[in-house]
Amino acid sequence: MMATASLLLYACLAAGSVNSYGNLEALGGRSECAAIIGNGALTIAIDEKGKQTTMLWPSPTGPGQIWADPSHTSPWPHGTVWAVRTNGKIIARQDEWTVEQPAHRDAHGIVTTRLAYGEVHANLMQFVVPDSDVLVMRLTLESAPGDTQVFWHADFDPTTRAIPELPWLHTVATAQRDFAMFVTDSGDTVLHFRPEAPGSYDWIEAERIRDKEAPRENWDSFKDGTWLAYTPLGPGPSFACADTDDAGSLHEQLARGKIQGAQSAVGDCSVLAELQPDTPGTSQWTVLVALAKTRKEALEIARAARTKGFDALRDETAAFWDARAAKWAIPQSASEEVRGHCAQALSTITISMDKETNAIARAPRNEPPLAMDIVRHGVWSSVALNWAGEHDLSDRHSQFYAKSVRKKAKPGAPIGSIPMALLSDSSDALPHLCLDVEATGWFLWSVNQHQLTLVENPKRVFLDRLWEATDVSATFLTDWFRDPFVTPPYGFNPAQLRDTPSAELAISAYLGLKSALEIANILGMPRPDWKMRQGELEDLVRSYVTGDDGAWLLDAPLSLGLTGLVADGDARWQSRMEDALIRIDVMPTPEAAKTLCFIAWTWRNSPERLATIRPLIEPVFRRISEEYPADSYYASLMFIAAKLTFDTPPR
């Protein structure tokens, strides 16, 4: 019961209001993240020292290939870590170095970190190749003595699946992670893997190979799963493999400066490598990490990348992101800094989007667990992509949601509802008993927002394709809000951790039905039952947000401005928004982003009022970029706010 309650609590906080994020971090532990890189399949979060804190593959929604283990006792951190040894002693490991310049992703999709220890300075570059699942890492040293030795340690945790509805199970499900690693016959690559569903025979066979009771060729008998290939670019690397019980031996080998360890390991595995410079006489060391579903594919991808070399891989990555950014409709009247933040925001959204299924992860992180498409947040990414000129990506994200709308009922999951949060395969990321009625309203609203930017023929094709999902979703809302003044409609309220009636619920349902009616009218499919319920929902909204005198309440949700129920120039509502803007500087950063977005949307037809928001965009955008650099939801809110304030969005 305690475990179930904890999961439900996490679910509430994960999908709740913007202020829930801090509560979620307090419960789940905060994973430091200064930048993310990825290609829509391999997705990596990096902390300020350049360490990977999260690796998700084969989707930005997971599964996670780095285990966020709260009881981790190994002398080595998870992910990768560099170490440098000079004058016969250890200078330091990467996690002990001083940060001169925190990790930062540039416009070319490359993360650079500047570190130092004493007189030695280190520059670490990392990026993910766009068309293959390869992480490239290069360490460049300055002012290092001639006898410098460079070591690289990797402790990833290959796994093959994310468990639906239980995103936190990775903290206890050790049996679902890791399996074995071995040095290939060529001696220049380590393969680290987990089969799809290893049984007892597989474990016994792996141990027999490790103990030399079975031939090395038997590694070939392990088939599909998650395979990582570690390949340095320099010649003649030395490797030592170890499991958890023997991890200390790797630290001892590092202290001695001589690698003489096992060439395979089974269980919770890690590897230490002594590297040679990429080119003799230089101070650059590069390692490639390739991921694939089979041993053969992992080796082929790694060797192809090694053949290309670092410069070609870097140029290929930069060219990809330059070409992508060239078509983004970034507001040109904004300052250079705001335009840069807009480009970073769109990069974050794009990296977070699964290139096969089109799910958009809220944030590619294990802790707190936000590597899931939270619908009420993801719809804003659809709008941002559409307004940025990525119409196809926005269309595909809407189709992903339409596919995920429930067509069959089960307890706690009625027909026409949509999961609170989704994995890339459309399965529930959170317990399905947390029914998010608001998500359905926001989904319908986002579909309507997309069609508003389309010309006649593409509009019809888009709406026809999504009509079935639109129909059942609007019907669900119509049924859920039957007789709203007789039986108040309830929806899951993350702030109170239970089902409650609320103004936000009524507003989202009103927006959803209003949007569905516009779509039905375009398609020539009148729905009088929806129309009647929309009228009742309008009355319900007004009952929540107006006082006895009929004036708008000053604590009404800002989302009310999206409904069209407030007349332009309404003095009472203008004072509500002006008061919110005065408090922007003291608001929590997420609340400030949402406030700017909603007020800019409400004032979108008033250039004079929008002008008063412009000075606020850059400082709030900077706060979001610094505090939440991996969060696609906050990135979307701020891009939309900037687009509304400095440009004319497509309509």
Foldseek 3Di string as FASTA:
>chain_A
DVVVVVQLLLVLLLLADLVSVVVQCVVQPDQAFQAWAFQLAWIFGAHQLGFTFWTAGGGLLHDTFWQPAPVDDFPDHAFKKKWKDPPLFTQDISVPWAWPGTWDQALLRKTWTWTDGPPKIKIWIWHAFNPFGKIKIKIFIDPGDPRMWMKMKHFTWFAFDQDFACLQCSNPPLVRTWWKKFQDPVRFKIKTWDAHDDDPVSNVVQVCCQVVVDPPVCVQVGWFGKIKMKGKLAPDKAKAKEARVCSVVLVVCVRRVHDDHGRMYTGRMMMMIIGDANDPPGRMIMMMIGIDGTPVVNVVRRVVDSVCDDVNSSVSSSVVSVVVLVQFPAQPQADPLLSRLLSLLLSLQSRQANPPQGAGFQFSHSRVSRSWRQQLLCLLLLLLCVLGVVLVSSLSNLVSQLVLQDCPDDVLRGHLFGARIADSVSGHRHPSNQGALLSLLSSLLSLLSSLLQDDDPVSVVSLVSSVVSLVRNLVVLLVQCPPCVVPPRWHQHSVVSGTDHALSSLLSNLNNLVSSQVSCVSVVHHDVSSVVVNVVSVVVNQVHAADPVSAGHLPRDLSVLVNPPDDPPPPRVVVSLVVVVVCLVVDDLSVSLQSLLSVLNSCLVPLVVLQVCSVVLSVSSVVCSRPPSNGSSSSSSSSNSSCSSSHRGRD
